[in-house]
């Protein structure tokens, strides 16, 4: 047994054991948990100024997002583990081949939902992807940025609502947000149907009369269905609010 005399003789100070306060451990655990549950969003944007604006818009909308700006889709493929949603801006594909937008969106959608922001004429490239429900399209003009950020938030909200609760059922948020879900999930495919019909009708001079009649019927029914969805979703939202 070492006594104080032995310690004094050896010239060494007794070893001290430092312990961290419990509050420090709790804080560290909270940080780790927060990092796990924070939605991780990759913003693929080749324009630095626009990329900063996206980040600012997300910060205004919510501070709990983990944002990761990337200039090109190649960077997303290298670090896409745990991504909640991709925001793919057309500028991230500048200089690439014509079908680069579609190819990039399809690759990213295998990992997480994708919100694509591009010129209106690019929407037709993504018809199949939009119809499948794994992607959203935002026209890149006017005040498009809040719309894109809103769709990203919605994707994250839907993912959370789809998580089974402790009783084995689905979170009650489905009923609260059903009007928005109905409107968006039906309107996205309808937009593709209507857009393609109108694009073909623009070439009516080269089409037989029977084809024109059928295309006009498709366009009319798509508009009618879109209006029906709007009324139903509004009624559901008013019912929930009441």
Foldseek 3Di string as FASTA:
>chain_A
DDDPVNCVVVVHDDDDDDDDDPVVVVVVVVVVVLVLPAAEEEEAAQDPVVQVVLVVLLVVVDVSHHYHYHPALVVCVVDVPRHAEYEAEPNSQPPHDPLPVVVSLVVVLVRYAYEYEEAPVCVLSCLVVLLVPRYHYFHNDDPRSNVSSVVSVVSVVVVQQQDQDPVRHGHPVCLQCVLVVLLRNLVSNLVNQLVVLVVVLVVVVPDDPVSVVVSVVSNVVSVVVNVVSNVVSVVSNVVSVD
